[in-house]
Amino acid sequence: MTAPTLPGLTPDPAPPTDPVAAVPADLAPAPGTRAARLALPMSRKIVTEMAAEYGVCLHPVTLRRTDLHTGHTEVVDLPCGSTREDKCEPCAKRARRLRQTQIREGWHRTDEPAPAPNPATDAQRELILLRAHLEFARDEAQRAAQFDQLPDIDDAIGEVEEAIAAEGLRGAVAPAHDQDDDNQGRRKRSTRRRQDAPDLPRKKVEPRTVGKVYTAPDGTEHRPSMWLSLTLDTYGRVLPDGTPVNPDTYDYRRAAWDAVHFARLLDRFWQNLRRCAGWNVQYAGCVEPQRRLAPHAHFAIRGTIPRTVLRQVAAATYHQVWWPAADEPVYSLNRPPVWDADRAEWIDPTTREPLTAWADALDLIDTDPDAEPAHVVRFGPQVHAEGVTPGTVHANRTIGYITKYITKSAADCHKPDTDRQRGHLDRLWHELRVTPCNERCSNWLLYGIQPKKAHGRLQAGRCKGKVHQRATLGIGGRRILVSRDWSGKTLADHRADARAWVRNLLGVTVGATDADAVDQDDPPAYAWELARPDDPDLPPLQHRLLKALSQRAQWKAALLAARDKAAQGVSVPARSDLDSPEGRA
């Protein structure tokens, strides 16, 4: 019986009947043996491989949608949206292409991506004036010691704040009054630069995000951009495989602390660079580990900045961690402090004395004029910067280099192959396990300090922070870093652009649906819920993968046909970010 052919699809040639026909005769297993059966490909594995090839999610989220008007129920599979290849390779590749689109659209812009906000309406201005009158009334009530009027005024302020938000204004007009006490108790540190840090020149920052235009002798204009790599300092000599020459002298403690606070160092760098360059520099990049497992970052920068300025800013940038000293642990993982439920505090297991409270430990730092920060993070001397011309092969290759490892976990970027590499990874991870990650980290118990807002459920050495996981290597924050005014779009906007491009190519218009035919006074309403694996109407995963595979194959055929038709005479807007038909679909 001949398999049916779907519209728009050409069936592939039939596979050879002999599964081992391509194997030399002297190496082919005897027919009917177990070796011959093992040589046969697994049908389910082929389905999974083809689904991944066509971009079908391998672990879809199954939802049940119920029309509240008709009672009709249907099962809908949604992509899991994972950004990790080890969880779902098709979704991770889709996320990688989306990030490449975002970098490409914002890198060489010649106009400002963020338009100026609309002027305020009369209604919005009246609400702001009413809010000002209420603030004046509250201040007068406080001056006259009429504290019984404050609750009513605060309620009125809350109603006006809600009206302001409903009117379409962004952000809060002013901080809440209940935050005043918290702000008064906030600790302030000196902003004076360290004596061992180079001076950093400062310019007035212009309100622009595009780079400088260069004019060639022949009159042509160019607006190049740059890509930049930043690394941390050295912790000891390493071999070409990334392992230290002498593990005993390798500074694993400083490596762990630098990894935990690397994101804050990057924030300081961009702040200093904008002040030094004199304009609002925009960036998009990725943080990933080097072969020595220390984090470094690759960034695409819109516009050009002299390399000397980049190196000067990197050398002058630092981040001080004003925490209590945590050089050597006071307690071990085998003998940690214990929780005293009666006193609601952590105590020494031998002396029964309470550990130093977090506020007291910070008070000691504030009262000591010679106090030094617990740690200072700095960049290393390696600062690599190159100019990139838009529309060149080098630009596309650089985008691929920046997004090379964004679909992998930090530990999978450089998988250990030797015992030396595995030992280096274990030593770094064990140091990260006992490194404090924030003010509430349970690892402070090992250093004789009670964390902020301590409680009895804390376990020393078992903080649930992301930086302590083996897969992150201390990179606990976001690995994809994009500035606010990079492309002027969110990821959802880029997805919508891709869908609109495909619809335009296929000539599909979004028309009225059955739901739109419902009376406007009675709009369609749906109830969504997760489908249970044991639901009787839920098809097996293989059936749903086969259905999605067929749908993707038809989309691919239709898209290829539309591209061929457009190539014959109809111009189609280019979308270089969607490299494959299945990616466009």
Protein backbone atom coordinates (compact mmCIF):
# COMPACT_ATOMS: atom_id res chain seq x y z
CA MET A 1 0.00 0.00 0.00
CA THR A 2 1.39 3.38 -0.99
CA ALA A 3 1.59 6.01 1.73
CA PRO A 4 -0.55 9.11 1.07
CA THR A 5 1.19 12.24 -0.06
CA LEU A 6 0.31 15.48 1.71
CA PRO A 7 -0.33 18.60 -0.40
CA GLY A 8 2.85 20.48 -1.16
CA LEU A 9 5.13 17.62 -0.12
CA THR A 10 7.25 15.32 -2.22
CA PRO A 11 7.78 11.91 -0.63
CA ASP A 12 11.34 10.92 -0.01
CA PRO A 13 12.68 7.90 -1.87
CA ALA A 14 12.02 4.61 -0.15
CA PRO A 15 14.85 3.38 2.06
CA PRO A 16 16.70 0.22 1.06
CA THR A 17 15.05 -2.97 2.22
CA ASP A 18 18.31 -4.35 3.57
CA PRO A 19 19.24 -2.39 6.76
CA VAL A 20 22.86 -3.49 6.50
CA ALA A 21 23.23 -3.12 2.75
CA ALA A 22 25.80 -0.35 3.14
CA VAL A 23 27.97 -2.46 5.44
CA PRO A 24 30.76 -4.48 3.81
CA ALA A 25 29.90 -8.14 3.44
CA ASP A 26 32.74 -9.33 5.63
CA LEU A 27 31.60 -7.01 8.48
CA ALA A 28 27.81 -7.40 8.18
CA PRO A 29 26.17 -9.45 10.97
CA ALA A 30 24.47 -12.68 10.06
CA PRO A 31 20.74 -12.29 9.30
CA GLY A 32 18.42 -13.19 12.14
CA THR A 33 21.03 -12.70 14.84
CA ARG A 34 20.87 -10.29 17.76
CA ALA A 35 23.64 -8.19 16.18
CA ALA A 36 21.51 -7.80 13.04
CA ARG A 37 18.51 -6.69 15.09
CA LEU A 38 20.63 -4.17 16.99
CA ALA A 39 21.82 -2.75 13.66
CA LEU A 40 18.24 -1.78 12.81
CA PRO A 41 17.51 1.90 13.62
CA MET A 42 15.02 2.64 16.39
CA SER A 43 11.81 4.11 14.99
CA ARG A 44 11.14 6.28 18.07
CA LYS A 45 14.66 7.64 17.96
CA ILE A 46 14.22 8.55 14.31
CA VAL A 47 11.02 10.41 15.18
CA THR A 48 12.84 12.36 17.88
CA GLU A 49 15.76 13.17 15.59
CA MET A 50 13.50 14.32 12.76
CA ALA A 51 11.39 16.38 15.16
CA ALA A 52 14.52 18.12 16.39
CA GLU A 53 15.66 18.63 12.79
CA TYR A 54 12.38 20.34 11.88
CA GLY A 55 12.32 22.45 15.04
CA VAL A 56 9.58 20.61 16.93
CA CYS A 57 9.73 20.95 20.71
CA LEU A 58 10.64 17.60 22.27
CA HIS A 59 9.13 18.34 25.68
CA PRO A 60 6.00 20.39 24.99
CA VAL A 61 3.87 21.85 27.75
CA THR A 62 0.41 20.35 27.30
CA LEU A 63 -2.48 22.61 28.21
CA ARG A 64 -6.22 22.07 28.11
CA ARG A 65 -8.27 24.94 26.70
CA THR A 66 -11.98 25.02 27.44
CA ASP A 67 -14.40 27.41 25.76
CA LEU A 68 -16.58 28.68 28.56
CA HIS A 69 -19.43 29.46 26.12
CA THR A 70 -19.62 26.18 24.23
CA GLY A 71 -17.90 23.85 26.69
CA HIS A 72 -15.62 22.56 23.92
CA THR A 73 -12.29 21.29 25.21
CA GLU A 74 -9.10 20.76 23.23
CA VAL A 75 -5.54 19.83 24.08
CA VAL A 76 -2.87 22.31 22.97
CA ASP A 77 0.88 21.67 22.96
CA LEU A 78 3.04 24.72 23.58
CA PRO A 79 6.84 24.80 23.22
CA CYS A 80 8.65 24.47 26.51
CA GLY A 81 10.76 27.55 25.70
CA SER A 82 13.92 26.11 27.22
CA THR A 83 17.17 27.92 26.48
CA ARG A 84 19.37 24.90 27.27
CA GLU A 85 20.32 22.32 24.66
CA ASP A 86 20.52 19.54 27.22
CA LYS A 87 16.81 20.07 28.00
CA CYS A 88 15.31 20.81 24.56
CA GLU A 89 17.59 21.37 21.59
CA PRO A 90 14.98 22.80 19.15
CA CYS A 91 13.74 25.42 21.62
CA ALA A 92 17.32 26.31 22.58
CA LYS A 93 18.29 26.82 18.94
CA ARG A 94 15.21 28.98 18.44
CA ALA A 95 16.20 31.08 21.43
CA ARG A 96 19.73 31.42 20.08
CA ARG A 97 18.47 32.64 16.70
CA LEU A 98 16.25 35.15 18.48
CA ARG A 99 19.20 36.54 20.41
CA GLN A 100 21.20 36.77 17.20
CA THR A 101 18.35 38.75 15.68
CA GLN A 102 18.33 41.08 18.66
CA ILE A 103 22.07 41.69 18.42
CA ARG A 104 21.97 42.17 14.67
CA GLU A 105 19.13 44.70 14.69
CA GLY A 106 20.65 46.86 17.39
CA TRP A 107 24.33 46.67 16.54
CA HIS A 108 24.73 49.03 13.57
CA ARG A 109 21.70 51.26 13.97
CA THR A 110 21.90 54.73 12.48
CA ASP A 111 18.90 56.13 14.36
CA GLU A 112 17.82 56.21 17.96
CA PRO A 113 15.84 53.06 18.77
CA ALA A 114 13.77 54.51 21.60
CA PRO A 115 11.39 57.30 20.53
CA ALA A 116 10.73 60.22 22.83
CA PRO A 117 7.71 59.79 25.13
CA ASN A 118 4.45 61.46 24.26
CA PRO A 119 3.59 64.70 26.04
CA ALA A 120 1.39 64.41 29.10
CA THR A 121 -2.33 64.95 28.66
CA ASP A 122 -4.39 67.46 30.64
CA ALA A 123 -5.92 64.67 32.72
CA GLN A 124 -2.48 63.32 33.62
CA ARG A 125 -1.24 66.77 34.60
CA GLU A 126 -4.30 67.32 36.81
CA LEU A 127 -3.65 64.03 38.61
CA ILE A 128 -0.03 65.02 39.23
CA LEU A 129 -1.19 68.35 40.62
CA LEU A 130 -3.68 66.59 42.90
CA ARG A 131 -0.89 64.31 44.09
CA ALA A 132 1.22 67.40 44.88
CA HIS A 133 -1.63 68.93 46.92
CA LEU A 134 -1.96 65.72 48.94
CA GLU A 135 1.77 65.69 49.60
CA PHE A 136 1.58 69.28 50.81
CA ALA A 137 -1.37 68.41 53.08
CA ARG A 138 0.52 65.47 54.56
CA ASP A 139 3.54 67.62 55.31
CA GLU A 140 1.33 70.27 56.96
CA ALA A 141 -0.35 67.60 59.12
CA GLN A 142 3.04 66.36 60.28
CA ARG A 143 4.18 69.89 61.11
CA ALA A 144 1.01 70.51 63.15
CA ALA A 145 1.38 67.14 64.92
CA GLN A 146 -2.02 66.06 63.58
CA PHE A 147 -0.99 62.45 63.18
CA ASP A 148 -4.57 61.19 63.23
CA GLN A 149 -5.06 62.71 59.76
CA LEU A 150 -2.11 60.87 58.20
CA PRO A 151 -3.95 57.54 57.55
CA ASP A 152 -6.73 59.29 55.61
CA ILE A 153 -4.24 61.31 53.58
CA ASP A 154 -2.19 58.17 52.84
CA ASP A 155 -5.34 56.39 51.62
CA ALA A 156 -6.11 59.31 49.35
CA ILE A 157 -2.53 59.27 48.03
CA GLY A 158 -2.87 55.57 47.26
CA GLU A 159 -6.05 56.15 45.29
CA VAL A 160 -4.44 58.94 43.30
CA GLU A 161 -1.40 56.75 42.58
CA GLU A 162 -3.70 54.06 41.20
CA ALA A 163 -5.51 56.64 39.06
CA ILE A 164 -2.17 57.89 37.73
CA ALA A 165 -1.14 54.37 36.75
CA ALA A 166 -4.53 53.75 35.13
CA GLU A 167 -4.20 56.98 33.15
CA GLY A 168 -1.13 55.59 31.40
CA LEU A 169 1.87 57.10 33.18
CA ARG A 170 4.96 54.98 33.76
CA GLY A 171 6.70 54.53 37.08
CA ALA A 172 5.88 55.86 40.52
CA VAL A 173 5.52 59.57 41.17
CA ALA A 174 7.37 59.31 44.49
CA PRO A 175 8.46 56.53 46.84
CA ALA A 176 6.00 55.33 49.45
CA HIS A 177 6.18 57.04 52.84
CA ASP A 178 6.61 53.75 54.67
CA GLN A 179 10.00 53.42 52.93
CA ASP A 180 11.38 56.58 54.54
CA ASP A 181 12.42 54.75 57.70
CA ASP A 182 14.19 52.06 55.68
CA ASN A 183 16.07 54.68 53.65
CA GLN A 184 17.20 56.47 56.81
CA GLY A 185 18.72 53.24 58.10
CA ARG A 186 20.56 52.48 54.87
CA ARG A 187 24.32 52.36 55.24
CA LYS A 188 26.30 54.78 53.12
CA ARG A 189 29.79 54.13 51.83
CA SER A 190 32.31 56.64 50.63
CA THR A 191 32.43 57.13 46.87
CA ARG A 192 36.04 58.28 46.95
CA ARG A 193 38.16 56.28 44.51
CA ARG A 194 40.76 53.90 45.79
CA GLN A 195 44.33 55.14 45.89
CA ASP A 196 45.57 52.06 44.01
CA ALA A 197 43.14 52.61 41.09
CA PRO A 198 44.04 54.79 38.08
CA ASP A 199 42.22 58.07 37.57
CA LEU A 200 39.15 58.03 35.38
CA PRO A 201 38.36 61.11 33.26
CA ARG A 202 34.75 62.18 33.11
CA LYS A 203 32.72 63.94 30.42
CA LYS A 204 29.16 65.15 30.21
CA VAL A 205 27.10 62.30 28.80
CA GLU A 206 25.27 63.25 25.60
CA PRO A 207 21.75 61.86 25.11
CA ARG A 208 22.62 59.73 22.08
CA THR A 209 23.19 56.03 21.49
CA VAL A 210 24.50 55.93 17.90
CA GLY A 211 28.17 56.03 17.04
CA LYS A 212 30.30 58.48 15.15
CA VAL A 213 30.19 58.79 11.35
CA TYR A 214 33.54 58.65 9.52
CA THR A 215 34.04 60.18 6.06
CA ALA A 216 36.56 58.61 3.68
CA PRO A 217 38.72 60.66 1.29
CA ASP A 218 36.38 59.73 -1.57
CA GLY A 219 33.39 61.16 0.31
CA THR A 220 31.78 57.89 1.39
CA GLU A 221 30.51 57.73 4.97
CA HIS A 222 31.01 54.83 7.38
CA ARG A 223 29.51 54.12 10.77
CA PRO A 224 31.45 51.12 12.14
CA SER A 225 30.87 49.41 15.48
CA MET A 226 32.98 47.25 17.79
CA TRP A 227 33.04 44.02 19.72
CA LEU A 228 34.79 43.74 23.06
CA SER A 229 36.08 40.95 25.33
CA LEU A 230 36.69 41.47 29.06
CA THR A 231 38.41 38.96 31.35
CA LEU A 232 39.23 38.69 35.02
CA ASP A 233 42.68 38.76 36.54
CA THR A 234 44.96 35.76 36.85
CA TYR A 235 44.91 33.45 39.88
CA GLY A 236 48.03 31.51 38.97
CA ARG A 237 49.74 30.05 35.95
CA VAL A 238 47.61 27.65 33.91
CA LEU A 239 48.33 25.05 31.25
CA PRO A 240 46.80 25.11 27.74
CA ASP A 241 43.99 22.85 28.99
CA GLY A 242 42.98 25.47 31.58
CA THR A 243 44.23 23.62 34.65
CA PRO A 244 46.65 25.33 37.06
CA VAL A 245 50.32 24.50 36.93
CA ASN A 246 50.37 24.26 40.72
CA PRO A 247 46.91 23.64 42.24
CA ASP A 248 48.27 24.30 45.75
CA THR A 249 49.16 27.92 44.96
CA TYR A 250 46.20 28.63 42.68
CA ASP A 251 43.98 31.24 44.39
CA TYR A 252 40.63 29.44 44.32
CA ARG A 253 39.13 31.71 46.94
CA ARG A 254 39.67 34.85 44.90
CA ALA A 255 38.47 33.05 41.79
CA ALA A 256 35.23 32.12 43.54
CA TRP A 257 34.62 35.62 44.92
CA ASP A 258 35.36 37.21 41.53
CA ALA A 259 32.91 34.88 39.80
CA VAL A 260 30.15 35.67 42.30
CA HIS A 261 30.56 39.45 41.88
CA PHE A 262 31.47 39.55 38.18
CA ALA A 263 28.07 40.93 37.16
CA ARG A 264 28.46 43.94 39.47
CA LEU A 265 31.90 44.60 38.02
CA LEU A 266 30.39 44.69 34.52
CA ASP A 267 27.78 47.21 35.69
CA ARG A 268 30.55 49.43 37.02
CA PHE A 269 32.41 49.14 33.71
CA TRP A 270 29.49 50.38 31.61
CA GLN A 271 28.82 53.24 34.01
CA ASN A 272 32.46 54.35 33.84
CA LEU A 273 32.63 53.88 30.07
CA ARG A 274 29.63 56.13 29.45
CA ARG A 275 31.05 58.82 31.69
CA CYS A 276 34.44 58.57 30.04
CA ALA A 277 33.23 58.33 26.41
CA GLY A 278 30.67 61.09 26.84
CA TRP A 279 27.63 59.34 25.29
CA ASN A 280 25.14 56.62 26.19
CA VAL A 281 27.06 53.55 25.00
CA GLN A 282 24.82 50.57 24.16
CA TYR A 283 25.88 46.93 24.36
CA ALA A 284 24.65 43.36 23.93
CA GLY A 285 26.69 40.32 24.90
CA CYS A 286 27.10 37.12 26.78
CA VAL A 287 28.96 35.95 29.90
CA GLU A 288 30.65 32.56 29.67
CA PRO A 289 33.51 30.72 31.36
CA GLN A 290 36.99 30.52 29.93
CA ARG A 291 38.83 27.24 29.72
CA ARG A 292 40.30 27.98 33.15
CA LEU A 293 36.62 28.24 34.32
CA ALA A 294 36.85 31.96 35.16
CA PRO A 295 34.00 34.05 33.68
CA HIS A 296 34.63 36.50 30.87
CA ALA A 297 32.28 38.46 28.61
CA HIS A 298 31.93 39.24 24.90
CA PHE A 299 29.99 42.35 23.90
CA ALA A 300 28.83 43.99 20.71
CA ILE A 301 29.10 47.78 21.09
CA ARG A 302 27.23 50.23 18.88
CA GLY A 303 29.64 52.81 17.58
CA THR A 304 33.37 53.04 18.09
CA ILE A 305 35.48 53.92 21.12
CA PRO A 306 39.29 54.22 21.07
CA ARG A 307 41.01 51.09 22.33
CA THR A 308 43.11 53.15 24.69
CA VAL A 309 39.93 54.44 26.34
CA LEU A 310 38.55 50.91 26.69
CA ARG A 311 41.74 49.66 28.31
CA GLN A 312 41.92 52.73 30.56
CA VAL A 313 38.34 52.24 31.75
CA ALA A 314 38.87 48.51 32.32
CA ALA A 315 42.01 49.17 34.37
CA ALA A 316 40.27 51.85 36.45
CA THR A 317 37.08 49.85 37.11
CA TYR A 318 36.65 47.91 40.33
CA HIS A 319 33.89 46.78 42.66
CA GLN A 320 34.27 46.76 46.44
CA VAL A 321 32.36 44.20 48.49
CA TRP A 322 31.68 45.78 51.89
CA TRP A 323 30.91 42.61 53.80
CA PRO A 324 32.38 41.24 57.01
CA ALA A 325 35.76 39.57 56.62
CA ALA A 326 35.49 35.99 55.39
CA ASP A 327 39.08 34.91 54.81
CA GLU A 328 39.17 31.72 56.86
CA PRO A 329 36.14 29.72 58.05
CA VAL A 330 35.63 29.48 61.79
CA TYR A 331 33.48 26.36 61.59
CA SER A 332 33.53 23.36 59.27
CA LEU A 333 30.76 21.63 57.38
CA ASN A 334 31.07 18.68 59.75
CA ARG A 335 30.75 20.86 62.85
CA PRO A 336 28.64 23.94 62.04
CA PRO A 337 26.89 26.27 64.49
CA VAL A 338 23.56 25.17 65.96
CA TRP A 339 20.22 26.94 66.16
CA ASP A 340 18.87 27.90 69.57
CA ALA A 341 15.08 27.95 69.26
CA ASP A 342 14.59 29.59 72.66
CA ARG A 343 16.79 32.59 71.83
CA ALA A 344 16.01 32.45 68.08
CA GLU A 345 19.66 32.80 67.08
CA TRP A 346 22.64 30.72 66.03
CA ILE A 347 25.16 29.80 68.72
CA ASP A 348 28.54 28.15 69.03
CA PRO A 349 28.16 24.39 69.55
CA THR A 350 30.80 24.37 72.33
CA THR A 351 30.58 27.68 74.19
CA ARG A 352 26.85 28.19 73.54
CA GLU A 353 27.65 31.85 72.82
CA PRO A 354 25.65 33.54 70.06
CA LEU A 355 27.33 34.32 66.77
CA THR A 356 27.90 37.90 65.72
CA ALA A 357 24.73 39.42 64.31
CA TRP A 358 24.80 40.77 60.77
CA ALA A 359 24.07 44.36 61.83
CA ASP A 360 26.76 44.23 64.52
CA ALA A 361 29.32 42.96 62.04
CA LEU A 362 28.56 45.86 59.69
CA ASP A 363 28.72 48.32 62.60
CA LEU A 364 32.28 47.19 63.28
CA ILE A 365 33.19 48.03 59.69
CA ASP A 366 31.53 51.46 59.86
CA THR A 367 33.24 52.44 63.10
CA ASP A 368 36.70 51.34 61.97
CA PRO A 369 38.37 54.15 59.98
CA ASP A 370 40.98 51.71 58.63
CA ALA A 371 38.47 49.08 57.57
CA GLU A 372 39.02 47.48 54.19
CA PRO A 373 36.38 45.81 52.00
CA ALA A 374 36.10 42.05 52.23
CA HIS A 375 36.91 41.75 48.54
CA VAL A 376 37.76 43.92 45.54
CA VAL A 377 36.97 42.66 42.03
CA ARG A 378 39.03 43.90 39.08
CA PHE A 379 39.49 43.10 35.42
CA GLY A 380 42.61 41.50 34.09
CA PRO A 381 45.00 43.12 31.62
CA GLN A 382 43.51 41.24 28.65
CA VAL A 383 41.10 43.63 26.92
CA HIS A 384 40.43 42.70 23.31
CA ALA A 385 38.55 45.10 21.03
CA GLU A 386 38.00 45.07 17.26
CA GLY A 387 36.17 47.27 14.82
CA VAL A 388 33.34 45.68 12.83
CA THR A 389 31.85 47.00 9.60
CA PRO A 390 28.12 46.38 9.11
CA GLY A 391 27.02 43.94 6.44
CA THR A 392 30.30 42.01 6.30
CA VAL A 393 31.07 38.36 6.87
CA HIS A 394 33.10 39.37 9.91
CA ALA A 395 29.99 40.91 11.49
CA ASN A 396 27.94 37.72 11.06
CA ARG A 397 30.82 35.59 12.30
CA THR A 398 31.20 37.78 15.38
CA ILE A 399 27.51 37.45 16.24
CA GLY A 400 27.88 33.69 16.07
CA TYR A 401 30.94 33.87 18.29
CA ILE A 402 29.15 35.99 20.90
CA THR A 403 26.19 33.58 21.04
CA LYS A 404 28.25 30.40 20.76
CA TYR A 405 27.62 29.10 24.27
CA ILE A 406 24.35 30.78 25.28
CA THR A 407 22.43 27.50 24.93
CA LYS A 408 24.78 25.62 27.23
CA SER A 409 25.18 25.71 30.98
CA ALA A 410 28.39 27.25 32.22
CA ALA A 411 29.86 23.88 33.20
CA ASP A 412 29.09 22.42 29.74
CA CYS A 413 30.91 25.13 27.80
CA HIS A 414 34.21 23.34 28.41
CA LYS A 415 33.57 19.77 29.46
CA PRO A 416 36.45 18.20 31.41
CA ASP A 417 38.16 15.36 29.56
CA THR A 418 41.09 14.58 31.87
CA ASP A 419 41.53 13.95 35.58
CA ARG A 420 43.37 17.27 35.92
CA GLN A 421 40.41 19.17 34.48
CA ARG A 422 37.92 17.28 36.62
CA GLY A 423 40.02 17.96 39.71
CA HIS A 424 40.24 21.67 38.85
CA LEU A 425 36.46 21.83 38.46
CA ASP A 426 35.91 20.03 41.78
CA ARG A 427 38.24 22.36 43.69
CA LEU A 428 36.56 25.46 42.28
CA TRP A 429 33.09 24.10 43.01
CA HIS A 430 33.97 23.18 46.59
CA GLU A 431 35.22 26.74 47.10
CA LEU A 432 32.03 28.14 45.59
CA ARG A 433 29.95 26.01 47.97
CA VAL A 434 31.33 27.86 51.01
CA THR A 435 31.55 31.35 49.45
CA PRO A 436 28.85 33.79 50.66
CA CYS A 437 26.65 34.94 47.82
CA ASN A 438 24.49 37.60 49.52
CA GLU A 439 23.56 39.03 52.90
CA ARG A 440 21.18 36.15 53.68
CA CYS A 441 23.47 33.33 52.55
CA SER A 442 23.72 30.46 55.02
CA ASN A 443 27.48 30.22 54.39
CA TRP A 444 28.02 33.15 56.75
CA LEU A 445 27.50 30.68 59.59
CA LEU A 446 30.83 29.06 58.68
CA TYR A 447 32.56 32.40 59.36
CA GLY A 448 30.94 32.98 62.74
CA ILE A 449 28.36 35.50 61.52
CA GLN A 450 24.59 35.21 61.54
CA PRO A 451 23.14 36.11 58.13
CA LYS A 452 20.64 38.90 57.75
CA LYS A 453 17.17 37.73 58.87
CA ALA A 454 18.57 34.40 60.04
CA HIS A 455 16.24 31.51 60.82
CA GLY A 456 16.52 27.91 61.90
CA ARG A 457 16.10 26.38 58.43
CA LEU A 458 19.51 27.55 57.25
CA GLN A 459 22.13 24.91 56.51
CA ALA A 460 25.75 25.93 56.26
CA GLY A 461 27.27 24.94 52.93
CA ARG A 462 23.85 24.25 51.39
CA CYS A 463 22.67 27.65 50.27
CA LYS A 464 20.13 27.44 47.46
CA GLY A 465 21.67 30.34 45.59
CA LYS A 466 22.37 29.78 41.92
CA VAL A 467 26.06 30.63 42.25
CA HIS A 468 26.66 27.55 44.39
CA GLN A 469 25.46 25.10 41.76
CA ARG A 470 28.00 23.02 39.91
CA ALA A 471 26.43 23.89 36.55
CA THR A 472 26.83 27.68 36.96
CA LEU A 473 30.48 27.95 38.10
CA GLY A 474 29.58 31.02 40.15
CA ILE A 475 27.77 32.87 37.33
CA GLY A 476 24.53 33.35 39.20
CA GLY A 477 22.90 36.19 37.28
CA ARG A 478 21.78 36.53 33.70
CA ARG A 479 24.30 35.39 31.14
CA ILE A 480 22.73 37.45 28.33
CA LEU A 481 23.26 41.16 28.97
CA VAL A 482 21.52 43.71 26.74
CA SER A 483 21.35 47.44 27.43
CA ARG A 484 18.02 49.24 27.64
CA ASP A 485 18.21 51.16 24.35
CA TRP A 486 19.84 48.49 22.23
CA SER A 487 17.18 47.59 19.65
CA GLY A 488 14.14 49.30 21.10
CA LYS A 489 12.32 45.94 21.13
CA THR A 490 11.71 43.13 23.54
CA LEU A 491 12.12 39.47 22.68
CA ALA A 492 8.34 39.27 22.22
CA ASP A 493 8.59 42.08 19.65
CA HIS A 494 11.29 40.21 17.74
CA ARG A 495 9.14 37.06 17.74
CA ALA A 496 6.21 39.04 16.39
CA ASP A 497 8.42 40.47 13.62
CA ALA A 498 9.48 36.97 12.59
CA ARG A 499 5.88 35.77 12.46
CA ALA A 500 4.83 38.83 10.47
CA TRP A 501 7.64 38.21 7.98
CA VAL A 502 6.55 34.61 7.46
CA ARG A 503 2.91 35.63 6.99
CA ASN A 504 3.97 38.27 4.48
CA LEU A 505 6.02 35.76 2.54
CA LEU A 506 3.21 33.19 2.49
CA GLY A 507 0.55 35.79 1.78
CA VAL A 508 -1.37 34.88 4.92
CA THR A 509 -3.53 37.49 6.56
CA VAL A 510 -4.81 37.30 10.10
CA GLY A 511 -8.55 37.40 9.50
CA ALA A 512 -11.59 36.90 11.62
CA THR A 513 -11.86 33.63 13.47
CA ASP A 514 -14.82 31.76 14.82
CA ALA A 515 -14.23 33.38 18.17
CA ASP A 516 -14.48 36.81 16.56
CA ALA A 517 -17.95 35.95 15.30
CA VAL A 518 -19.23 35.93 18.86
CA ASP A 519 -21.19 39.01 19.88
CA GLN A 520 -18.90 41.77 21.10
CA ASP A 521 -21.05 42.06 24.24
CA ASP A 522 -20.24 38.43 24.98
CA PRO A 523 -16.53 38.07 24.12
CA PRO A 524 -14.97 34.59 24.00
CA ALA A 525 -13.64 33.33 27.28
CA TYR A 526 -11.35 30.37 27.78
CA ALA A 527 -10.20 28.45 30.81
CA TRP A 528 -6.65 27.12 30.67
CA GLU A 529 -5.24 24.35 32.82
CA LEU A 530 -2.38 21.89 32.68
CA ALA A 531 -3.29 18.55 31.18
CA ARG A 532 -2.54 15.58 33.40
CA PRO A 533 -0.48 12.72 31.98
CA ASP A 534 -3.19 10.22 32.94
CA ASP A 535 -6.03 12.08 31.19
CA PRO A 536 -7.85 9.62 28.92
CA ASP A 537 -8.10 12.09 26.01
CA LEU A 538 -4.41 13.00 26.04
CA PRO A 539 -2.64 11.29 23.10
CA PRO A 540 0.77 9.74 23.69
CA LEU A 541 3.77 11.99 23.22
CA GLN A 542 4.83 10.10 20.09
CA HIS A 543 1.47 10.79 18.43
CA ARG A 544 1.74 14.48 19.22
CA LEU A 545 5.34 14.61 17.94
CA LEU A 546 4.30 12.94 14.69
CA LYS A 547 1.45 15.41 14.25
CA ALA A 548 3.74 18.38 14.91
CA LEU A 549 6.38 16.92 12.59
CA SER A 550 3.87 16.68 9.75
CA GLN A 551 2.72 20.23 10.36
CA ARG A 552 6.29 21.52 10.35
CA ALA A 553 7.09 19.63 7.16
CA GLN A 554 4.08 21.19 5.43
CA TRP A 555 5.10 24.63 6.67
CA LYS A 556 8.60 24.06 5.34
CA ALA A 557 7.34 23.03 1.92
CA ALA A 558 4.99 25.99 1.72
CA LEU A 559 7.74 28.38 2.80
CA LEU A 560 10.21 27.01 0.25
CA ALA A 561 7.61 27.31 -2.49
CA ALA A 562 6.89 30.91 -1.50
CA ARG A 563 10.59 31.74 -1.52
CA ASP A 564 11.02 30.25 -4.99
CA LYS A 565 8.02 32.17 -6.25
CA ALA A 566 9.30 35.39 -4.73
CA ALA A 567 12.74 34.85 -6.22
CA GLN A 568 11.24 34.78 -9.71
CA GLY A 569 10.15 38.38 -9.60
CA VAL A 570 8.50 39.39 -6.37
CA SER A 571 10.75 41.15 -3.87
CA VAL A 572 10.70 39.72 -0.36
CA PRO A 573 12.08 41.53 2.70
CA ALA A 574 15.32 39.91 3.79
CA ARG A 575 15.53 38.16 7.13
CA SER A 576 19.12 36.98 7.49
CA ASP A 577 18.50 36.12 11.12
CA LEU A 578 16.29 33.20 10.11
CA ASP A 579 18.83 30.93 8.50
CA SER A 580 16.59 27.94 7.84
CA PRO A 581 13.03 27.48 6.62
CA GLU A 582 12.10 25.61 9.74
CA GLY A 583 13.52 28.46 11.79
CA ARG A 584 11.32 30.93 9.91
CA ALA A 585 8.28 28.74 10.47
